[in-house]
Amino acid sequence: MELEKTADGSYTLYVPELDEHYHSVKGALTESQHIFIDMGLKHSAVTEPRILEIGLGTGLNCFLTFLAAEGSGRKIHYTGIERYPLSEDTLRKLDYPSVIGQGHEEDYYAIHQASWETDVKLSPWFTLHKIKGDFTIYPFKEKYDIIYFDAFAPEKQPEMWDQSLFNMLYEVLNEGGILTTYCAKGVVRRMLQTARFMVERLPGPPGGKREILRATRF
């Protein structure tokens, strides 16, 4: 994996084997904040939301959510599933706390150091539950209010973008729950609709993708 600076000054990772980046080169921080915090977390009216992230990755979405919980005093229970955790050396090179969340450096690393398969209370407002596993076969038993769908692109990881998986995610969402994703491809939108979601095409992040998707369970 290679470290790459994006347009907003934050870093992402490039995976040569997949010819794919973890985040948009137009701005890793800008993309995550817009798609998952502004269009996802802030759109939910649930007082104490339960969030599921598909692809914990660098922990950027999780860290931004942690900072949002700290800033708002809104209690959040956050579950992230990841098959291939990153090394601490790689995470320290990304150095997200220097760009965002100064004063919360140890909180970012605590996300990655937290034990797997158990609830870990990182603050009075934020509880983390990490699952080390394969999303495509994992038997989810909990219900969630928000899903961050942040897998690699469909053409890079087609097994993560299957109709049966979107059907399953519809079932694990509470009524009124939402799913946000950076991918606005027509095939993805149609799969979400087939799974019975109400799907909106929304403006993408500043300087980035033209559109993103938000899907709601009614």
C-alpha atoms as a PDB file:
ATOM      1  CA  MET A   1       0.000   0.000   0.000  1.00  0.00           C
ATOM      2  CA  GLU A   2       1.142   3.500  -0.820  1.00  0.00           C
ATOM      3  CA  LEU A   3       0.453   6.759   1.040  1.00  0.00           C
ATOM      4  CA  GLU A   4      -1.012   9.513  -1.147  1.00  0.00           C
ATOM      5  CA  LYS A   5      -1.912  13.100  -0.296  1.00  0.00           C
ATOM      6  CA  THR A   6      -5.364  14.189  -1.476  1.00  0.00           C
ATOM      7  CA  ALA A   7      -6.549  17.611  -2.643  1.00  0.00           C
ATOM      8  CA  ASP A   8      -7.747  18.788   0.794  1.00  0.00           C
ATOM      9  CA  GLY A   9      -4.433  18.008   2.489  1.00  0.00           C
ATOM     10  CA  SER A  10      -5.527  14.741   4.108  1.00  0.00           C
ATOM     11  CA  TYR A  11      -3.998  11.404   3.143  1.00  0.00           C
ATOM     12  CA  THR A  12      -5.401   8.224   1.700  1.00  0.00           C
ATOM     13  CA  LEU A  13      -3.984   4.829   0.756  1.00  0.00           C
ATOM     14  CA  TYR A  14      -3.499   3.461  -2.744  1.00  0.00           C
ATOM     15  CA  VAL A  15      -3.714  -0.306  -3.276  1.00  0.00           C
ATOM     16  CA  PRO A  16      -1.714  -1.227  -6.411  1.00  0.00           C
ATOM     17  CA  GLU A  17      -3.159  -4.763  -6.558  1.00  0.00           C
ATOM     18  CA  LEU A  18      -6.649  -3.322  -6.987  1.00  0.00           C
ATOM     19  CA  ASP A  19      -5.596  -0.048  -8.642  1.00  0.00           C
ATOM     20  CA  GLU A  20      -7.875   1.580  -6.071  1.00  0.00           C
ATOM     21  CA  HIS A  21      -7.737   4.266  -3.366  1.00  0.00           C
ATOM     22  CA  TYR A  22      -9.346   4.032   0.069  1.00  0.00           C
ATOM     23  CA  HIS A  23     -10.788   7.534  -0.400  1.00  0.00           C
ATOM     24  CA  SER A  24     -11.270  10.115  -3.119  1.00  0.00           C
ATOM     25  CA  VAL A  25      -8.054  11.798  -4.281  1.00  0.00           C
ATOM     26  CA  LYS A  26     -10.190  14.970  -4.523  1.00  0.00           C
ATOM     27  CA  GLY A  27     -10.190  15.025  -0.707  1.00  0.00           C
ATOM     28  CA  ALA A  28     -10.346  12.101   1.713  1.00  0.00           C
ATOM     29  CA  LEU A  29     -11.600  14.145   4.661  1.00  0.00           C
ATOM     30  CA  THR A  30     -14.010  16.204   2.556  1.00  0.00           C
ATOM     31  CA  GLU A  31     -15.534  13.062   1.049  1.00  0.00           C
ATOM     32  CA  SER A  32     -16.035  11.237   4.359  1.00  0.00           C
ATOM     33  CA  GLN A  33     -17.459  14.289   6.123  1.00  0.00           C
ATOM     34  CA  HIS A  34     -19.973  14.974   3.363  1.00  0.00           C
ATOM     35  CA  ILE A  35     -21.191  11.457   2.582  1.00  0.00           C
ATOM     36  CA  PHE A  36     -21.256   9.831   5.985  1.00  0.00           C
ATOM     37  CA  ILE A  37     -21.546  12.643   8.535  1.00  0.00           C
ATOM     38  CA  ASP A  38     -23.482  15.395   6.751  1.00  0.00           C
ATOM     39  CA  MET A  39     -25.691  13.209   4.543  1.00  0.00           C
ATOM     40  CA  GLY A  40     -25.877  10.272   6.960  1.00  0.00           C
ATOM     41  CA  LEU A  41     -25.435  10.929  10.677  1.00  0.00           C
ATOM     42  CA  LYS A  42     -26.806  14.485  10.658  1.00  0.00           C
ATOM     43  CA  HIS A  43     -29.791  13.405   8.558  1.00  0.00           C
ATOM     44  CA  SER A  44     -30.900  10.844  11.154  1.00  0.00           C
ATOM     45  CA  ALA A  45     -33.339  12.032  13.812  1.00  0.00           C
ATOM     46  CA  VAL A  46     -32.582   9.090  16.139  1.00  0.00           C
ATOM     47  CA  THR A  47     -31.457  10.396  19.540  1.00  0.00           C
ATOM     48  CA  GLU A  48     -28.912   7.635  20.220  1.00  0.00           C
ATOM     49  CA  PRO A  49     -28.208   6.058  16.822  1.00  0.00           C
ATOM     50  CA  ARG A  50     -26.647   2.675  16.228  1.00  0.00           C
ATOM     51  CA  ILE A  51     -24.325   2.841  13.224  1.00  0.00           C
ATOM     52  CA  LEU A  52     -22.908   0.029  11.089  1.00  0.00           C
ATOM     53  CA  GLU A  53     -19.908   0.702   8.856  1.00  0.00           C
ATOM     54  CA  ILE A  54     -19.146  -1.696   6.034  1.00  0.00           C
ATOM     55  CA  GLY A  55     -15.380  -1.385   5.696  1.00  0.00           C
ATOM     56  CA  LEU A  56     -13.760   0.153   8.788  1.00  0.00           C
ATOM     57  CA  GLY A  57     -10.527   0.664   6.838  1.00  0.00           C
ATOM     58  CA  THR A  58      -8.470   3.645   7.981  1.00  0.00           C
ATOM     59  CA  GLY A  59     -11.029   4.519  10.665  1.00  0.00           C
ATOM     60  CA  LEU A  60     -11.611   7.983   9.154  1.00  0.00           C
ATOM     61  CA  ASN A  61     -15.411   7.639   9.077  1.00  0.00           C
ATOM     62  CA  CYS A  62     -15.387   6.254  12.609  1.00  0.00           C
ATOM     63  CA  PHE A  63     -13.124   9.051  13.882  1.00  0.00           C
ATOM     64  CA  LEU A  64     -15.296  11.754  12.301  1.00  0.00           C
ATOM     65  CA  THR A  65     -18.346  10.150  13.902  1.00  0.00           C
ATOM     66  CA  PHE A  66     -16.552  10.048  17.260  1.00  0.00           C
ATOM     67  CA  LEU A  67     -15.758  13.768  16.970  1.00  0.00           C
ATOM     68  CA  ALA A  68     -19.367  14.513  16.011  1.00  0.00           C
ATOM     69  CA  ALA A  69     -20.593  12.622  19.089  1.00  0.00           C
ATOM     70  CA  GLU A  70     -18.167  14.508  21.325  1.00  0.00           C
ATOM     71  CA  GLY A  71     -19.174  17.838  19.847  1.00  0.00           C
ATOM     72  CA  SER A  72     -22.926  17.294  20.028  1.00  0.00           C
ATOM     73  CA  GLY A  73     -23.243  15.195  23.185  1.00  0.00           C
ATOM     74  CA  ARG A  74     -25.228  12.667  21.129  1.00  0.00           C
ATOM     75  CA  LYS A  75     -24.603   9.095  22.238  1.00  0.00           C
ATOM     76  CA  ILE A  76     -23.579   6.775  19.427  1.00  0.00           C
ATOM     77  CA  HIS A  77     -23.024   3.015  19.285  1.00  0.00           C
ATOM     78  CA  TYR A  78     -20.737   2.286  16.351  1.00  0.00           C
ATOM     79  CA  THR A  79     -20.139  -1.132  14.782  1.00  0.00           C
ATOM     80  CA  GLY A  80     -17.474  -1.556  12.111  1.00  0.00           C
ATOM     81  CA  ILE A  81     -16.755  -4.747  10.184  1.00  0.00           C
ATOM     82  CA  GLU A  82     -13.340  -5.170   8.600  1.00  0.00           C
ATOM     83  CA  ARG A  83     -11.689  -8.226   7.085  1.00  0.00           C
ATOM     84  CA  TYR A  84      -8.188  -6.803   6.667  1.00  0.00           C
ATOM     85  CA  PRO A  85      -7.209  -4.426   9.517  1.00  0.00           C
ATOM     86  CA  LEU A  86      -4.404  -1.975   8.780  1.00  0.00           C
ATOM     87  CA  SER A  87      -1.127  -1.936  10.691  1.00  0.00           C
ATOM     88  CA  GLU A  88      -0.472   0.729  13.316  1.00  0.00           C
ATOM     89  CA  ASP A  89       2.531   1.905  11.299  1.00  0.00           C
ATOM     90  CA  THR A  90       0.273   2.611   8.310  1.00  0.00           C
ATOM     91  CA  LEU A  91      -2.282   4.397  10.484  1.00  0.00           C
ATOM     92  CA  ARG A  92       0.350   6.666  12.013  1.00  0.00           C
ATOM     93  CA  LYS A  93       1.556   7.644   8.542  1.00  0.00           C
ATOM     94  CA  LEU A  94      -1.983   8.729   7.640  1.00  0.00           C
ATOM     95  CA  ASP A  95      -1.823  11.041  10.675  1.00  0.00           C
ATOM     96  CA  TYR A  96      -5.481  12.079  10.567  1.00  0.00           C
ATOM     97  CA  PRO A  97      -5.446  13.709  14.016  1.00  0.00           C
ATOM     98  CA  SER A  98      -3.068  16.409  12.754  1.00  0.00           C
ATOM     99  CA  VAL A  99      -5.619  17.450  10.110  1.00  0.00           C
ATOM    100  CA  ILE A 100      -8.762  16.949  12.181  1.00  0.00           C
ATOM    101  CA  GLY A 101      -9.439  16.399  15.845  1.00  0.00           C
ATOM    102  CA  GLN A 102      -6.316  17.975  17.296  1.00  0.00           C
ATOM    103  CA  GLY A 103      -6.331  17.121  20.978  1.00  0.00           C
ATOM    104  CA  HIS A 104      -7.967  13.786  20.144  1.00  0.00           C
ATOM    105  CA  GLU A 105      -4.856  12.039  18.827  1.00  0.00           C
ATOM    106  CA  GLU A 106      -5.109   9.144  21.255  1.00  0.00           C
ATOM    107  CA  ASP A 107      -8.824   8.733  20.523  1.00  0.00           C
ATOM    108  CA  TYR A 108      -8.052   7.996  16.874  1.00  0.00           C
ATOM    109  CA  TYR A 109      -5.521   5.319  17.762  1.00  0.00           C
ATOM    110  CA  ALA A 110      -7.833   3.945  20.457  1.00  0.00           C
ATOM    111  CA  ILE A 111     -10.294   3.073  17.690  1.00  0.00           C
ATOM    112  CA  HIS A 112      -7.737   0.752  16.128  1.00  0.00           C
ATOM    113  CA  GLN A 113      -6.350  -0.569  19.409  1.00  0.00           C
ATOM    114  CA  ALA A 114      -9.796  -1.470  20.764  1.00  0.00           C
ATOM    115  CA  SER A 115     -10.512  -5.171  21.267  1.00  0.00           C
ATOM    116  CA  TRP A 116     -12.482  -7.032  18.624  1.00  0.00           C
ATOM    117  CA  GLU A 117     -15.912  -8.630  19.087  1.00  0.00           C
ATOM    118  CA  THR A 118     -16.845  -6.642  22.193  1.00  0.00           C
ATOM    119  CA  ASP A 119     -18.265  -3.249  23.135  1.00  0.00           C
ATOM    120  CA  VAL A 120     -15.544  -0.736  24.034  1.00  0.00           C
ATOM    121  CA  LYS A 121     -16.593   2.591  25.546  1.00  0.00           C
ATOM    122  CA  LEU A 122     -14.209   5.191  24.137  1.00  0.00           C
ATOM    123  CA  SER A 123     -16.004   8.126  25.768  1.00  0.00           C
ATOM    124  CA  PRO A 124     -19.291   8.840  27.560  1.00  0.00           C
ATOM    125  CA  TRP A 125     -20.757   9.498  24.105  1.00  0.00           C
ATOM    126  CA  PHE A 126     -19.187   6.826  21.930  1.00  0.00           C
ATOM    127  CA  THR A 127     -19.160   3.031  22.160  1.00  0.00           C
ATOM    128  CA  LEU A 128     -17.322   0.989  19.542  1.00  0.00           C
ATOM    129  CA  HIS A 129     -17.850  -2.634  18.521  1.00  0.00           C
ATOM    130  CA  LYS A 130     -15.377  -3.969  15.970  1.00  0.00           C
ATOM    131  CA  ILE A 131     -16.030  -7.153  14.008  1.00  0.00           C
ATOM    132  CA  LYS A 132     -13.128  -8.863  12.265  1.00  0.00           C
ATOM    133  CA  GLY A 133     -14.911 -10.713   9.527  1.00  0.00           C
ATOM    134  CA  ASP A 134     -16.217 -10.960   5.988  1.00  0.00           C
ATOM    135  CA  PHE A 135     -19.261  -8.756   5.455  1.00  0.00           C
ATOM    136  CA  THR A 136     -20.555 -10.977   2.637  1.00  0.00           C
ATOM    137  CA  ILE A 137     -21.122 -13.952   4.960  1.00  0.00           C
ATOM    138  CA  TYR A 138     -21.403 -12.390   8.419  1.00  0.00           C
ATOM    139  CA  PRO A 139     -24.673 -13.210  10.265  1.00  0.00           C
ATOM    140  CA  PHE A 140     -25.699  -9.796  11.618  1.00  0.00           C
ATOM    141  CA  LYS A 141     -28.031 -10.106  14.598  1.00  0.00           C
ATOM    142  CA  GLU A 142     -28.322  -6.450  15.654  1.00  0.00           C
ATOM    143  CA  LYS A 143     -30.494  -3.681  14.203  1.00  0.00           C
ATOM    144  CA  TYR A 144     -29.066  -0.351  13.098  1.00  0.00           C
ATOM    145  CA  ASP A 145     -30.277   3.173  12.369  1.00  0.00           C
ATOM    146  CA  ILE A 146     -27.525   4.219   9.954  1.00  0.00           C
ATOM    147  CA  ILE A 147     -25.303   2.238   7.603  1.00  0.00           C
ATOM    148  CA  TYR A 148     -22.121   3.672   6.105  1.00  0.00           C
ATOM    149  CA  PHE A 149     -21.525   1.581   2.982  1.00  0.00           C
ATOM    150  CA  ASP A 150     -17.874   2.272   2.157  1.00  0.00           C
ATOM    151  CA  ALA A 151     -16.606  -0.808   0.340  1.00  0.00           C
ATOM    152  CA  PHE A 152     -14.178  -0.535  -2.573  1.00  0.00           C
ATOM    153  CA  ALA A 153     -15.807   0.269  -5.931  1.00  0.00           C
ATOM    154  CA  PRO A 154     -18.088  -2.339  -7.577  1.00  0.00           C
ATOM    155  CA  GLU A 155     -15.657  -2.936 -10.430  1.00  0.00           C
ATOM    156  CA  LYS A 156     -12.863  -3.630  -7.901  1.00  0.00           C
ATOM    157  CA  GLN A 157     -14.823  -5.700  -5.349  1.00  0.00           C
ATOM    158  CA  PRO A 158     -17.987  -6.916  -7.127  1.00  0.00           C
ATOM    159  CA  GLU A 159     -18.684  -9.491  -4.407  1.00  0.00           C
ATOM    160  CA  MET A 160     -19.421  -6.624  -1.977  1.00  0.00           C
ATOM    161  CA  TRP A 161     -22.129  -5.157  -4.235  1.00  0.00           C
ATOM    162  CA  ASP A 162     -24.566  -8.028  -4.617  1.00  0.00           C
ATOM    163  CA  GLN A 163     -28.352  -7.867  -4.556  1.00  0.00           C
ATOM    164  CA  SER A 164     -28.597 -10.390  -1.727  1.00  0.00           C
ATOM    165  CA  LEU A 165     -26.370  -8.194   0.449  1.00  0.00           C
ATOM    166  CA  PHE A 166     -28.491  -5.096  -0.064  1.00  0.00           C
ATOM    167  CA  ASN A 167     -31.565  -7.201   0.732  1.00  0.00           C
ATOM    168  CA  MET A 168     -29.872  -8.216   3.991  1.00  0.00           C
ATOM    169  CA  LEU A 169     -28.897  -4.628   4.872  1.00  0.00           C
ATOM    170  CA  TYR A 170     -32.516  -3.547   4.411  1.00  0.00           C
ATOM    171  CA  GLU A 171     -33.523  -6.133   6.987  1.00  0.00           C
ATOM    172  CA  VAL A 172     -30.926  -5.088   9.575  1.00  0.00           C
ATOM    173  CA  LEU A 173     -32.011  -1.428   9.422  1.00  0.00           C
ATOM    174  CA  ASN A 174     -34.664  -0.132  11.754  1.00  0.00           C
ATOM    175  CA  GLU A 175     -37.694   1.496  10.157  1.00  0.00           C
ATOM    176  CA  GLY A 176     -36.689   4.945   8.985  1.00  0.00           C
ATOM    177  CA  GLY A 177     -33.049   3.887   8.951  1.00  0.00           C
ATOM    178  CA  ILE A 178     -30.708   5.182   6.251  1.00  0.00           C
ATOM    179  CA  LEU A 179     -27.769   3.921   4.213  1.00  0.00           C
ATOM    180  CA  THR A 180     -25.316   6.266   2.522  1.00  0.00           C
ATOM    181  CA  THR A 181     -22.692   5.418  -0.080  1.00  0.00           C
ATOM    182  CA  TYR A 182     -20.364   7.308  -2.388  1.00  0.00           C
ATOM    183  CA  CYS A 183     -21.339   5.075  -5.334  1.00  0.00           C
ATOM    184  CA  ALA A 184     -24.166   6.508  -7.444  1.00  0.00           C
ATOM    185  CA  LYS A 185     -23.956   4.033 -10.331  1.00  0.00           C
ATOM    186  CA  GLY A 186     -27.311   3.148 -11.853  1.00  0.00           C
ATOM    187  CA  VAL A 187     -26.838  -0.558 -11.144  1.00  0.00           C
ATOM    188  CA  VAL A 188     -26.308   0.151  -7.425  1.00  0.00           C
ATOM    189  CA  ARG A 189     -29.316   2.474  -7.270  1.00  0.00           C
ATOM    190  CA  ARG A 190     -31.496  -0.191  -8.887  1.00  0.00           C
ATOM    191  CA  MET A 191     -30.276  -2.891  -6.486  1.00  0.00           C
ATOM    192  CA  LEU A 192     -31.148  -0.659  -3.526  1.00  0.00           C
ATOM    193  CA  GLN A 193     -34.595  -0.037  -4.999  1.00  0.00           C
ATOM    194  CA  THR A 194     -35.092  -3.766  -5.582  1.00  0.00           C
ATOM    195  CA  ALA A 195     -34.237  -4.281  -1.901  1.00  0.00           C
ATOM    196  CA  ARG A 196     -37.213  -1.920  -1.192  1.00  0.00           C
ATOM    197  CA  PHE A 197     -35.225   1.171  -0.210  1.00  0.00           C
ATOM    198  CA  MET A 198     -36.393   4.643  -1.151  1.00  0.00           C
ATOM    199  CA  VAL A 199     -33.315   6.014  -2.909  1.00  0.00           C
ATOM    200  CA  GLU A 200     -32.222   9.640  -3.305  1.00  0.00           C
ATOM    201  CA  ARG A 201     -29.485  10.955  -5.532  1.00  0.00           C
ATOM    202  CA  LEU A 202     -27.755  13.771  -3.670  1.00  0.00           C
ATOM    203  CA  PRO A 203     -24.992  16.223  -4.633  1.00  0.00           C
ATOM    204  CA  GLY A 204     -21.527  14.785  -4.058  1.00  0.00           C
ATOM    205  CA  PRO A 205     -18.791  16.335  -1.924  1.00  0.00           C
ATOM    206  CA  PRO A 206     -17.313  19.712  -2.951  1.00  0.00           C
ATOM    207  CA  GLY A 207     -14.829  19.193  -5.758  1.00  0.00           C
ATOM    208  CA  GLY A 208     -15.522  15.457  -5.842  1.00  0.00           C
ATOM    209  CA  LYS A 209     -18.090  13.065  -7.290  1.00  0.00           C
ATOM    210  CA  ARG A 210     -21.142  14.675  -8.873  1.00  0.00           C
ATOM    211  CA  GLU A 211     -23.655  12.514  -7.002  1.00  0.00           C
ATOM    212  CA  ILE A 212     -23.924  10.117  -4.069  1.00  0.00           C
ATOM    213  CA  LEU A 213     -26.766   7.912  -2.845  1.00  0.00           C
ATOM    214  CA  ARG A 214     -28.853   7.861   0.311  1.00  0.00           C
ATOM    215  CA  ALA A 215     -31.292   4.994   0.775  1.00  0.00           C
ATOM    216  CA  THR A 216     -34.047   4.957   3.417  1.00  0.00           C
ATOM    217  CA  ARG A 217     -36.043   2.046   4.808  1.00  0.00           C
ATOM    218  CA  PHE A 218     -39.771   2.779   5.167  1.00  0.00           C
END
